Amino acid sequence: MKMVQKTTAFERVNHFVLLVSFFVLTFTGFGFMYSALNWMNTAFGGNAWASVFHKWFGVAFAISAAISIASYIGEALSFDDDDKKWLSVLGGYFDKSLEVPPSGKMNMGQKLFFLIIVVGCGGLISLTGFMLWLGSSMAFAHLFHSLTFFLMVVALPLHIYLATAANPGTFRIMTRGDVPLSFAKKKYGKWVKEEGLD
C-alpha cells in the first residue's frame, strides 16, 4: 500500500504542544472560574502553583498558536468553488450518499475551524491572557477571555470527534504523519494532484 506524507514531524509536535497546553489551561481555568471546581487545581499543587502553570502554559499555547497561524493561514484563506460545494453538503458528515468535492490540503470545515477557533479565538484568548497577566483593561480582558474560553471548550471536543471517530484514518495524520494514497485521494484529492503524488 503506497503511503503519502501529509504532515511533518514539526507540525505534529506543534499540534501536540497546542493540545496539551490547551488542556492544562482548561483545567486550571475552570479551577479559577468556579469555586466548586477549585479542586482541579490541587492536581497542580494548589491555586498558587496552578496560577504559575496557567501563565506559562499560556505562553506555550500562544507561541504554538502563532506558529500554526503562520504555517496555515495562506491555505486557510484560499477559497474556491469546491469549498462552497463542500460547505453546501457539509462535507458529507450527515449524509454519506452525498458527493463531496475534492479538497486541497485543508477542507472547508478545517479552514473554518482554523480561522474561527485558532486564529480568532486563539489570538483573542492569548491577547487577553497577557492583558490579565499585566493587569491591563481587566474588565474587557476578563469578559473576552471567558467568552473565547467557553467557545474553545465547546469546539475542541467536536474537533477531536471529527478527527477520530467521524473520519477513520484521519487521526493518523497527527500521530504518524502519513496516510494511504487512496485515503489522501478521497479526502484531499486536489492536494494530491497539486503535489504530484498520484
Protein backbone atom coordinates (compact mmCIF):
# COMPACT_ATOMS: atom_id res chain seq x y z
CA MET A 1 0.00 0.00 0.00
CA LYS A 2 1.51 3.34 -1.04
CA MET A 3 1.69 5.93 1.74
CA VAL A 4 1.99 9.70 1.36
CA GLN A 5 3.28 12.20 3.91
CA LYS A 6 0.58 14.65 4.98
CA THR A 7 2.26 16.38 7.95
CA THR A 8 5.84 16.95 9.04
CA ALA A 9 7.29 15.96 12.42
CA PHE A 10 7.46 19.65 13.34
CA GLU A 11 3.77 20.15 12.54
CA ARG A 12 2.82 17.16 14.67
CA VAL A 13 4.93 18.27 17.64
CA ASN A 14 3.47 21.78 17.43
CA HIS A 15 -0.06 20.36 17.28
CA PHE A 16 0.71 18.26 20.38
CA VAL A 17 2.05 21.32 22.25
CA LEU A 18 -1.09 23.26 21.32
CA LEU A 19 -3.32 20.42 22.53
CA VAL A 20 -1.51 19.72 25.82
CA SER A 21 -1.19 23.40 26.72
CA PHE A 22 -4.90 23.92 25.99
CA PHE A 23 -5.87 21.05 28.31
CA VAL A 24 -3.72 22.42 31.15
CA LEU A 25 -5.21 25.88 30.60
CA THR A 26 -8.73 24.43 30.53
CA PHE A 27 -8.40 22.57 33.83
CA THR A 28 -6.70 25.41 35.67
CA GLY A 29 -9.09 27.91 34.08
CA PHE A 30 -12.15 26.04 35.33
CA GLY A 31 -10.50 25.81 38.75
CA PHE A 32 -10.14 29.60 38.88
CA MET A 33 -13.57 30.43 37.48
CA TYR A 34 -15.74 28.21 39.67
CA SER A 35 -15.19 27.62 43.37
CA ALA A 36 -16.95 24.24 43.08
CA LEU A 37 -14.24 23.18 40.61
CA ASN A 38 -11.34 24.59 42.59
CA TRP A 39 -10.35 21.03 43.48
CA MET A 40 -8.98 20.74 39.93
CA ASN A 41 -6.10 22.99 40.90
CA THR A 42 -4.99 20.64 43.68
CA ALA A 43 -3.51 18.46 40.92
CA PHE A 44 -1.16 21.36 40.18
CA GLY A 45 -0.20 21.93 43.83
CA GLY A 46 -2.93 24.42 44.76
CA ASN A 47 -4.02 27.79 43.39
CA ALA A 48 -0.62 29.48 43.63
CA TRP A 49 1.12 26.81 41.57
CA ALA A 50 -1.90 26.47 39.26
CA SER A 51 -1.55 30.19 38.50
CA VAL A 52 2.11 29.69 37.55
CA PHE A 53 1.20 26.71 35.33
CA HIS A 54 -1.65 28.68 33.75
CA LYS A 55 0.57 31.62 32.85
CA TRP A 56 3.47 29.67 31.39
CA PHE A 57 1.38 27.09 29.57
CA GLY A 58 -0.48 30.14 28.23
CA VAL A 59 2.83 31.35 26.79
CA ALA A 60 3.39 27.92 25.21
CA PHE A 61 -0.14 27.98 23.79
CA ALA A 62 0.31 31.48 22.35
CA ILE A 63 3.62 30.59 20.68
CA SER A 64 2.22 27.32 19.30
CA ALA A 65 -0.90 29.09 18.01
CA ALA A 66 1.27 31.75 16.35
CA ILE A 67 3.34 29.05 14.63
CA SER A 68 0.14 27.34 13.45
CA ILE A 69 -1.26 30.60 12.11
CA ALA A 70 1.95 31.40 10.24
CA SER A 71 2.02 27.87 8.80
CA TYR A 72 -1.58 27.53 7.61
CA ILE A 73 -3.07 30.98 7.15
CA GLY A 74 -2.34 31.05 3.42
CA GLU A 75 -4.10 27.74 2.82
CA ALA A 76 -6.99 28.64 5.13
CA LEU A 77 -7.68 31.89 3.26
CA SER A 78 -7.66 30.20 -0.15
CA PHE A 79 -11.25 29.55 -1.24
CA ASP A 80 -12.72 28.25 -4.49
CA ASP A 81 -15.97 26.81 -5.85
CA ASP A 82 -15.21 23.36 -4.42
CA ASP A 83 -15.04 24.88 -0.94
CA LYS A 84 -18.51 26.33 -1.43
CA LYS A 85 -19.78 22.95 -2.65
CA TRP A 86 -18.12 21.22 0.32
CA LEU A 87 -19.94 23.59 2.65
CA SER A 88 -23.27 23.05 0.88
CA VAL A 89 -23.11 19.30 1.61
CA LEU A 90 -21.36 19.83 5.00
CA GLY A 91 -18.56 17.54 3.90
CA GLY A 92 -20.92 14.58 3.73
CA TYR A 93 -20.81 14.19 7.51
CA PHE A 94 -24.58 13.94 7.83
CA ASP A 95 -25.32 12.09 4.60
CA LYS A 96 -22.69 9.67 3.27
CA SER A 97 -24.59 9.37 -0.03
CA LEU A 98 -23.78 12.96 -1.00
CA GLU A 99 -20.94 13.64 -3.40
CA VAL A 100 -18.19 15.57 -1.61
CA PRO A 101 -16.00 17.74 -3.85
CA PRO A 102 -12.21 17.30 -3.69
CA SER A 103 -10.23 19.34 -1.17
CA GLY A 104 -6.79 20.85 -1.05
CA LYS A 105 -4.51 20.36 1.94
CA MET A 106 -7.41 21.56 4.14
CA ASN A 107 -11.11 21.02 3.51
CA MET A 108 -13.59 23.85 4.04
CA GLY A 109 -14.54 22.64 7.51
CA GLN A 110 -10.91 22.63 8.60
CA LYS A 111 -10.43 26.10 7.14
CA LEU A 112 -13.39 27.50 9.06
CA PHE A 113 -12.32 25.80 12.30
CA PHE A 114 -8.81 27.16 11.86
CA LEU A 115 -9.92 30.71 11.10
CA ILE A 116 -12.57 30.92 13.83
CA ILE A 117 -11.02 28.87 16.63
CA VAL A 118 -7.25 29.01 16.12
CA VAL A 119 -6.88 32.47 14.57
CA GLY A 120 -9.87 34.26 16.10
CA CYS A 121 -10.29 32.64 19.50
CA GLY A 122 -6.67 31.55 19.89
CA GLY A 123 -5.44 35.04 19.13
CA LEU A 124 -8.00 36.77 21.35
CA ILE A 125 -7.59 34.44 24.33
CA SER A 126 -3.80 34.81 24.13
CA LEU A 127 -4.03 38.61 23.93
CA THR A 128 -6.49 38.90 26.81
CA GLY A 129 -4.49 36.40 28.85
CA PHE A 130 -1.39 38.59 28.59
CA MET A 131 -3.54 41.62 29.44
CA LEU A 132 -4.76 39.89 32.61
CA TRP A 133 -1.21 38.89 33.49
CA LEU A 134 -0.11 42.54 33.16
CA GLY A 135 -3.22 43.89 34.91
CA SER A 136 -4.37 45.86 31.86
CA SER A 137 -8.03 46.63 30.93
CA MET A 138 -9.21 43.99 33.38
CA ALA A 139 -12.97 44.14 32.74
CA PHE A 140 -12.54 43.90 28.95
CA ALA A 141 -9.88 41.21 29.26
CA HIS A 142 -11.92 39.07 31.68
CA LEU A 143 -15.04 39.26 29.52
CA PHE A 144 -13.41 38.24 26.25
CA HIS A 145 -11.03 35.76 27.87
CA SER A 146 -14.06 33.96 29.33
CA LEU A 147 -16.14 34.12 26.15
CA THR A 148 -13.39 32.72 23.94
CA PHE A 149 -12.57 30.11 26.58
CA PHE A 150 -16.10 28.70 26.52
CA LEU A 151 -16.26 28.74 22.73
CA MET A 152 -12.99 26.81 22.51
CA VAL A 153 -14.06 24.33 25.20
CA VAL A 154 -17.16 23.54 23.12
CA ALA A 155 -15.28 23.43 19.81
CA LEU A 156 -12.39 21.19 20.85
CA PRO A 157 -14.41 18.01 21.59
CA LEU A 158 -16.13 18.44 18.21
CA HIS A 159 -12.74 18.83 16.55
CA ILE A 160 -11.44 15.69 18.27
CA TYR A 161 -14.54 13.72 17.27
CA LEU A 162 -14.28 14.79 13.62
CA ALA A 163 -10.57 13.93 13.59
CA THR A 164 -11.12 10.45 15.01
CA ALA A 165 -14.42 8.57 15.13
CA ALA A 166 -16.19 10.56 12.39
CA ASN A 167 -13.32 10.14 9.94
CA PRO A 168 -11.43 6.88 10.47
CA GLY A 169 -7.85 7.25 9.29
CA THR A 170 -7.61 10.98 9.92
CA PHE A 171 -6.09 10.64 13.40
CA ARG A 172 -3.05 9.03 11.83
CA ILE A 173 -2.20 12.35 10.18
CA MET A 174 -1.44 13.87 13.58
CA THR A 175 0.30 10.83 15.03
CA ARG A 176 2.38 9.32 12.22
CA GLY A 177 2.00 11.94 9.53
CA ASP A 178 1.39 9.58 6.63
CA VAL A 179 -1.80 8.14 5.14
CA PRO A 180 -2.59 5.66 2.37
CA LEU A 181 -2.60 7.29 -1.05
CA SER A 182 -6.17 6.02 -1.60
CA PHE A 183 -7.29 7.84 1.56
CA ALA A 184 -5.49 11.03 0.53
CA LYS A 185 -7.13 10.94 -2.91
CA LYS A 186 -10.56 10.55 -1.36
CA LYS A 187 -10.18 13.26 1.28
CA TYR A 188 -7.68 15.66 -0.27
CA GLY A 189 -7.87 14.98 -4.00
CA LYS A 190 -6.73 18.42 -5.14
CA TRP A 191 -3.77 18.40 -2.76
CA VAL A 192 -2.66 15.01 -4.13
CA LYS A 193 -2.75 16.38 -7.69
CA GLU A 194 -1.03 19.64 -6.73
CA GLU A 195 1.79 17.71 -5.05
CA GLY A 196 2.05 15.25 -7.92
CA LEU A 197 1.56 12.30 -5.57
CA ASP A 198 -0.68 10.26 -7.85
